[in-house]
Amino acid sequence: MSNWENDPKIAESVCEAAEKFGFFQLVNHGVPLEVLEGVKDATHRFFGLPAAVKRKYSKELSPSNSVRFGTSFSPDSEKALEWKDYLSLFYVSEEEASALWPTECKDEVLEYMKKSQVLCTKLMTALMEKLNVKEIDETKESLLMGSKRINLNYYPRCPNPQLTVGVGRHSDVSSLTFLLQDEIGGLYVRVNEGKGEEDGWVHVPPIEGSLVINVGDALQILSNGRYKSVEHCVIASGSKNRISIPIFVNPKPNDVIGPLPELIAAGEKPKYKNILYSDYVKHFFRKAHDGKKTVAFAEIQS
């Protein structure tokens, strides 16, 4: 994968997977193994902190809206829909990250985001070329990857995993999501949606050093449905603690997303209306974890 400029078959395989399945797993992607292991270690380090320290980054106490710690566990409730803690970090600039992100993990997270950016640009370039979008100018770059958020997710061992989930079934609002999972597993994706008996869920087995890439709703809309966002969920583990680290690559909040002009100019009928990305995200979080129903919000009704 890291040498794919010299092998067009790799780019073709990536585009085919994005069209058919909406997800794929990459090895030899160019992000060093020590960087992946470093950010995993940093995630464990942060979630190993005392509760009072982590709470400093909660919605009520965080120094910035760009830094948010959350938990599904509450002393006021006996059960939770989702069985996880998370630290969500919205990337504005390296200066802000250095000043505001938790010291226990910021260096490793920033290094991981930097190394992943090269891969992100390669993937987006290949996916756009397949759509005959030959140049990613400043406007396109903003639409496709203008903002980034990384989540550090921690799923403690669950005593009754059959009564809860790690994360409910949903698609992502991103253009692309880059997921680093640990060796425990638990990620499931939906395949052959709407195809009767073939419609089902498959486990995405962890492969050391790999990254799972999935198409998000924004890219489905921008590609006029050529690339499909994928429904996925996380199953809670009854035996081990688990972590995962997704990077969400998104349009900027004030961008208007809709089918790319090149596709319409080539004669395609638009399947989606133009919509302010921040409005789409708000709608998603009102309907979160409801499969892919949010995409219908942007569809042009015939």
Protein backbone atom coordinates (compact mmCIF):
# COMPACT_ATOMS: atom_id res chain seq x y z
CA MET A 1 0.00 0.00 0.00
CA SER A 2 2.79 2.47 0.89
CA ASN A 3 4.18 2.15 -2.66
CA TRP A 4 0.84 2.41 -4.42
CA GLU A 5 1.84 5.34 -6.66
CA ASN A 6 3.68 2.69 -8.72
CA ASP A 7 0.81 0.21 -8.68
CA PRO A 8 -2.53 1.53 -10.03
CA LYS A 9 -4.20 -1.76 -9.06
CA ILE A 10 -4.02 -0.75 -5.39
CA ALA A 11 -5.86 2.52 -5.99
CA GLU A 12 -8.40 0.63 -8.09
CA SER A 13 -8.97 -1.88 -5.28
CA VAL A 14 -9.48 0.94 -2.76
CA CYS A 15 -12.08 2.64 -4.98
CA GLU A 16 -13.86 -0.65 -5.67
CA ALA A 17 -14.08 -1.40 -1.94
CA ALA A 18 -15.41 2.11 -1.25
CA GLU A 19 -18.11 1.63 -3.92
CA LYS A 20 -19.13 -1.94 -3.05
CA PHE A 21 -18.72 -2.11 0.71
CA GLY A 22 -17.96 1.34 2.09
CA PHE A 23 -15.05 0.01 4.15
CA PHE A 24 -11.69 -1.70 3.81
CA GLN A 25 -8.70 -2.58 5.96
CA LEU A 26 -5.21 -1.35 5.05
CA VAL A 27 -1.78 -2.70 5.87
CA ASN A 28 1.56 -1.22 4.73
CA HIS A 29 -0.18 2.17 4.76
CA GLY A 30 2.85 4.25 5.71
CA VAL A 31 1.91 5.12 9.30
CA PRO A 32 4.75 3.61 11.40
CA LEU A 33 3.86 0.81 13.80
CA GLU A 34 5.57 2.64 16.67
CA VAL A 35 3.24 5.62 16.11
CA LEU A 36 0.19 3.33 16.24
CA GLU A 37 1.44 1.64 19.40
CA GLY A 38 2.30 5.01 20.93
CA VAL A 39 -1.22 6.39 20.54
CA LYS A 40 -2.71 3.16 21.92
CA ASP A 41 -0.43 3.37 24.97
CA ALA A 42 -1.42 7.03 25.43
CA THR A 43 -5.10 6.07 25.30
CA HIS A 44 -4.64 3.50 28.06
CA ARG A 45 -2.66 6.07 30.04
CA PHE A 46 -5.42 8.68 29.85
CA PHE A 47 -8.21 6.31 30.84
CA GLY A 48 -6.09 5.01 33.70
CA LEU A 49 -6.17 8.46 35.31
CA PRO A 50 -8.28 9.10 38.43
CA ALA A 51 -11.91 9.96 37.65
CA ALA A 52 -11.48 13.47 39.06
CA VAL A 53 -8.67 14.22 36.60
CA LYS A 54 -10.64 12.97 33.59
CA ARG A 55 -13.68 14.93 34.75
CA LYS A 56 -11.72 18.18 34.21
CA TYR A 57 -12.40 17.64 30.51
CA SER A 58 -16.15 17.01 30.85
CA LYS A 59 -18.71 19.25 29.15
CA GLU A 60 -19.19 21.27 32.32
CA LEU A 61 -15.51 21.78 33.17
CA SER A 62 -13.49 21.52 29.94
CA PRO A 63 -11.38 24.57 29.04
CA SER A 64 -12.54 24.32 25.42
CA ASN A 65 -15.38 22.96 23.30
CA SER A 66 -12.63 21.26 21.30
CA VAL A 67 -11.84 18.92 24.21
CA ARG A 68 -14.57 16.73 25.63
CA PHE A 69 -14.52 13.74 27.98
CA GLY A 70 -17.73 11.74 28.21
CA THR A 71 -18.97 8.56 29.80
CA SER A 72 -22.01 6.34 29.51
CA PHE A 73 -21.65 5.41 33.18
CA SER A 74 -23.69 7.40 35.64
CA PRO A 75 -24.31 6.72 39.32
CA ASP A 76 -27.91 7.82 38.73
CA SER A 77 -28.69 5.03 36.30
CA GLU A 78 -28.37 1.28 36.63
CA LYS A 79 -27.83 0.54 32.97
CA ALA A 80 -26.53 2.38 29.94
CA LEU A 81 -27.31 2.05 26.28
CA GLU A 82 -23.61 2.30 25.44
CA TRP A 83 -20.77 0.83 27.45
CA LYS A 84 -17.87 3.21 26.93
CA ASP A 85 -15.88 6.28 27.97
CA TYR A 86 -14.41 8.61 25.39
CA LEU A 87 -12.17 11.62 24.95
CA SER A 88 -13.08 13.65 21.86
CA LEU A 89 -10.49 16.08 20.48
CA PHE A 90 -11.36 18.52 17.68
CA TYR A 91 -8.23 19.61 15.83
CA VAL A 92 -8.05 23.38 15.30
CA SER A 93 -4.28 23.91 15.27
CA GLU A 94 -1.16 22.38 16.73
CA GLU A 95 -0.81 25.43 18.99
CA GLU A 96 -4.29 24.97 20.47
CA ALA A 97 -3.80 21.22 20.84
CA SER A 98 -0.50 21.74 22.66
CA ALA A 99 -2.16 24.22 25.02
CA LEU A 100 -5.47 22.48 25.74
CA TRP A 101 -5.27 18.74 25.07
CA PRO A 102 -4.47 16.46 28.05
CA THR A 103 -0.72 16.24 28.62
CA GLU A 104 -1.02 12.46 29.16
CA CYS A 105 -1.79 11.85 25.48
CA LYS A 106 -1.44 14.97 23.33
CA ASP A 107 2.06 14.31 21.90
CA GLU A 108 1.21 10.80 20.72
CA VAL A 109 -2.18 11.85 19.36
CA LEU A 110 -0.72 14.75 17.40
CA GLU A 111 2.02 12.55 15.93
CA TYR A 112 -0.58 9.98 14.88
CA MET A 113 -2.74 12.66 13.23
CA LYS A 114 0.27 14.08 11.35
CA LYS A 115 1.34 10.70 10.00
CA SER A 116 -2.24 9.82 9.04
CA GLN A 117 -2.67 13.03 7.03
CA VAL A 118 -0.35 11.76 4.28
CA LEU A 119 -2.45 8.61 3.93
CA CYS A 120 -5.67 10.63 3.96
CA THR A 121 -4.50 12.80 1.07
CA LYS A 122 -3.48 9.72 -0.94
CA LEU A 123 -6.85 8.06 -0.40
CA MET A 124 -8.87 11.16 -1.24
CA THR A 125 -6.84 11.77 -4.38
CA ALA A 126 -7.47 8.21 -5.59
CA LEU A 127 -11.19 8.33 -4.73
CA MET A 128 -11.62 11.65 -6.54
CA GLU A 129 -9.72 10.52 -9.63
CA LYS A 130 -12.13 7.59 -9.91
CA LEU A 131 -14.94 10.18 -10.08
CA ASN A 132 -12.99 12.12 -12.76
CA VAL A 133 -12.30 14.94 -10.31
CA LYS A 134 -8.76 15.62 -11.42
CA GLU A 135 -7.70 18.30 -8.96
CA ILE A 136 -8.33 18.77 -5.25
CA ASP A 137 -8.17 22.57 -5.05
CA GLU A 138 -8.63 24.60 -1.86
CA THR A 139 -12.43 24.46 -2.04
CA LYS A 140 -12.46 20.69 -2.62
CA GLU A 141 -9.93 20.15 0.14
CA SER A 142 -12.21 21.98 2.57
CA LEU A 143 -15.23 19.96 1.44
CA LEU A 144 -13.46 16.63 1.68
CA MET A 145 -11.13 17.05 4.64
CA GLY A 146 -11.44 20.56 6.03
CA SER A 147 -11.82 19.53 9.67
CA LYS A 148 -10.69 16.61 11.80
CA ARG A 149 -11.70 15.08 15.09
CA ILE A 150 -10.08 12.18 16.91
CA ASN A 151 -11.79 10.13 19.59
CA LEU A 152 -10.05 7.95 22.15
CA ASN A 153 -12.62 5.28 23.08
CA TYR A 154 -12.39 3.01 26.11
CA TYR A 155 -14.75 0.05 26.49
CA PRO A 156 -14.39 -1.54 29.95
CA ARG A 157 -15.08 -5.22 30.38
CA CYS A 158 -18.85 -5.59 30.58
CA PRO A 159 -20.35 -8.09 33.08
CA ASN A 160 -23.55 -8.43 31.02
CA PRO A 161 -22.58 -7.73 27.40
CA GLN A 162 -25.86 -9.12 26.09
CA LEU A 163 -27.72 -6.22 27.77
CA THR A 164 -25.80 -3.39 26.15
CA VAL A 165 -23.59 -2.38 23.21
CA GLY A 166 -20.26 -0.62 22.93
CA VAL A 167 -21.65 1.66 20.21
CA GLY A 168 -25.06 1.26 18.58
CA ARG A 169 -25.56 0.74 14.84
CA HIS A 170 -24.86 3.87 12.84
CA SER A 171 -22.96 5.31 9.90
CA ASP A 172 -20.48 8.16 10.37
CA VAL A 173 -21.11 11.78 9.36
CA SER A 174 -17.52 12.07 8.11
CA SER A 175 -16.05 11.96 4.63
CA LEU A 176 -13.71 9.19 5.75
CA THR A 177 -13.04 7.58 9.11
CA PHE A 178 -9.65 6.04 9.98
CA LEU A 179 -10.03 3.50 12.77
CA LEU A 180 -7.20 2.03 14.80
CA GLN A 181 -8.44 -0.92 16.86
CA ASP A 182 -6.63 -3.00 19.44
CA GLU A 183 -6.29 -6.79 19.41
CA ILE A 184 -9.59 -7.42 21.25
CA GLY A 185 -11.97 -6.83 18.35
CA GLY A 186 -15.68 -6.12 18.51
CA LEU A 187 -16.27 -3.99 15.40
CA TYR A 188 -19.06 -5.25 13.12
CA VAL A 189 -20.10 -3.85 9.75
CA ARG A 190 -23.26 -4.41 7.78
CA VAL A 191 -22.86 -6.02 4.35
CA ASN A 192 -25.28 -6.57 1.47
CA GLU A 193 -27.80 -4.15 2.96
CA GLY A 194 -31.28 -4.69 1.56
CA LYS A 195 -30.35 -7.95 -0.21
CA GLY A 196 -32.60 -10.32 1.68
CA GLU A 197 -30.84 -13.29 3.22
CA GLU A 198 -27.42 -11.90 2.21
CA ASP A 199 -28.02 -8.82 4.40
CA GLY A 200 -26.03 -9.33 7.59
CA TRP A 201 -23.22 -8.30 9.91
CA VAL A 202 -19.58 -9.37 9.74
CA HIS A 203 -16.83 -8.99 12.32
CA VAL A 204 -13.80 -6.94 11.23
CA PRO A 205 -10.91 -8.95 12.70
CA PRO A 206 -8.06 -6.92 14.19
CA ILE A 207 -4.84 -7.15 12.17
CA GLU A 208 -1.71 -5.84 13.85
CA GLY A 209 -0.56 -2.59 12.28
CA SER A 210 -3.67 -2.18 10.14
CA LEU A 211 -6.16 0.68 9.83
CA VAL A 212 -9.84 0.23 9.05
CA ILE A 213 -11.12 2.90 6.65
CA ASN A 214 -14.80 3.55 6.19
CA VAL A 215 -16.77 5.90 3.99
CA GLY A 216 -18.97 8.39 5.84
CA ASP A 217 -22.24 10.06 4.91
CA ALA A 218 -20.55 13.25 3.69
CA LEU A 219 -18.57 11.37 1.03
CA GLN A 220 -21.66 9.40 0.02
CA ILE A 221 -23.46 12.70 -0.60
CA LEU A 222 -20.49 14.39 -2.31
CA SER A 223 -19.98 11.37 -4.59
CA ASN A 224 -23.72 11.32 -5.44
CA GLY A 225 -24.01 7.84 -3.99
CA ARG A 226 -21.06 6.29 -5.81
CA TYR A 227 -19.26 5.67 -2.52
CA LYS A 228 -21.42 4.19 0.23
CA SER A 229 -21.24 5.01 3.91
CA VAL A 230 -21.31 1.82 5.94
CA GLU A 231 -23.45 0.93 8.92
CA HIS A 232 -21.42 -0.43 11.81
CA CYS A 233 -21.56 -1.09 15.54
CA VAL A 234 -19.35 -2.17 18.43
CA ILE A 235 -20.20 -5.17 20.59
CA ALA A 236 -19.28 -4.99 24.28
CA SER A 237 -16.77 -7.54 25.57
CA GLY A 238 -17.50 -9.66 28.60
CA SER A 239 -13.88 -10.62 29.19
CA LYS A 240 -11.47 -7.76 28.40
CA ASN A 241 -11.11 -3.98 28.35
CA ARG A 242 -10.93 -2.62 24.80
CA ILE A 243 -9.86 0.62 23.12
CA SER A 244 -10.35 2.07 19.66
CA ILE A 245 -9.13 5.32 18.11
CA PRO A 246 -11.07 6.78 15.16
CA ILE A 247 -10.04 9.88 13.23
CA PHE A 248 -13.04 11.53 11.58
CA VAL A 249 -12.12 13.51 8.46
CA ASN A 250 -14.96 15.94 7.72
CA PRO A 251 -16.03 18.96 5.71
CA LYS A 252 -15.83 22.24 7.59
CA PRO A 253 -19.03 23.03 9.53
CA ASN A 254 -19.91 26.01 7.31
CA ASP A 255 -19.38 24.10 4.04
CA VAL A 256 -22.39 23.27 1.88
CA ILE A 257 -22.26 19.62 0.81
CA GLY A 258 -24.02 18.11 -2.18
CA PRO A 259 -23.08 16.11 -5.29
CA LEU A 260 -19.80 17.41 -6.70
CA PRO A 261 -20.26 19.76 -9.71
CA GLU A 262 -18.09 17.54 -11.93
CA LEU A 263 -20.56 14.66 -11.51
CA ILE A 264 -23.57 16.78 -12.40
CA ALA A 265 -21.71 18.33 -15.36
CA ALA A 266 -21.04 14.78 -16.61
CA GLY A 267 -24.79 14.15 -16.78
CA GLU A 268 -25.56 12.50 -13.44
CA LYS A 269 -28.91 13.31 -11.90
CA PRO A 270 -28.38 14.61 -8.34
CA LYS A 271 -29.61 12.20 -5.67
CA TYR A 272 -28.98 14.59 -2.78
CA LYS A 273 -29.81 18.22 -2.11
CA ASN A 274 -27.24 20.79 -1.10
CA ILE A 275 -27.15 21.11 2.68
CA LEU A 276 -25.10 22.99 5.24
CA TYR A 277 -22.79 20.41 6.80
CA SER A 278 -23.39 21.66 10.35
CA ASP A 279 -27.16 21.21 9.80
CA TYR A 280 -26.56 17.64 8.66
CA VAL A 281 -24.47 16.91 11.75
CA LYS A 282 -27.14 18.38 14.05
CA HIS A 283 -29.78 16.22 12.39
CA PHE A 284 -27.55 13.16 12.75
CA PHE A 285 -27.08 13.62 16.47
CA ARG A 286 -30.81 14.01 16.96
CA LYS A 287 -31.20 10.62 15.24
CA ALA A 288 -27.89 9.04 16.25
CA HIS A 289 -27.48 5.29 16.26
CA ASP A 290 -30.48 4.69 14.06
CA GLY A 291 -28.74 2.89 11.24
CA LYS A 292 -28.39 4.98 8.08
CA LYS A 293 -31.71 6.80 8.29
CA THR A 294 -29.97 10.17 8.58
CA VAL A 295 -28.85 10.02 4.93
CA ALA A 296 -32.51 10.18 3.88
CA PHE A 297 -32.55 13.71 5.32
CA ALA A 298 -30.34 14.82 2.41
CA GLU A 299 -32.00 12.78 -0.35
CA ILE A 300 -33.98 14.44 -3.12
CA GLN A 301 -37.42 12.87 -2.99
CA SER A 302 -38.57 11.84 -6.47
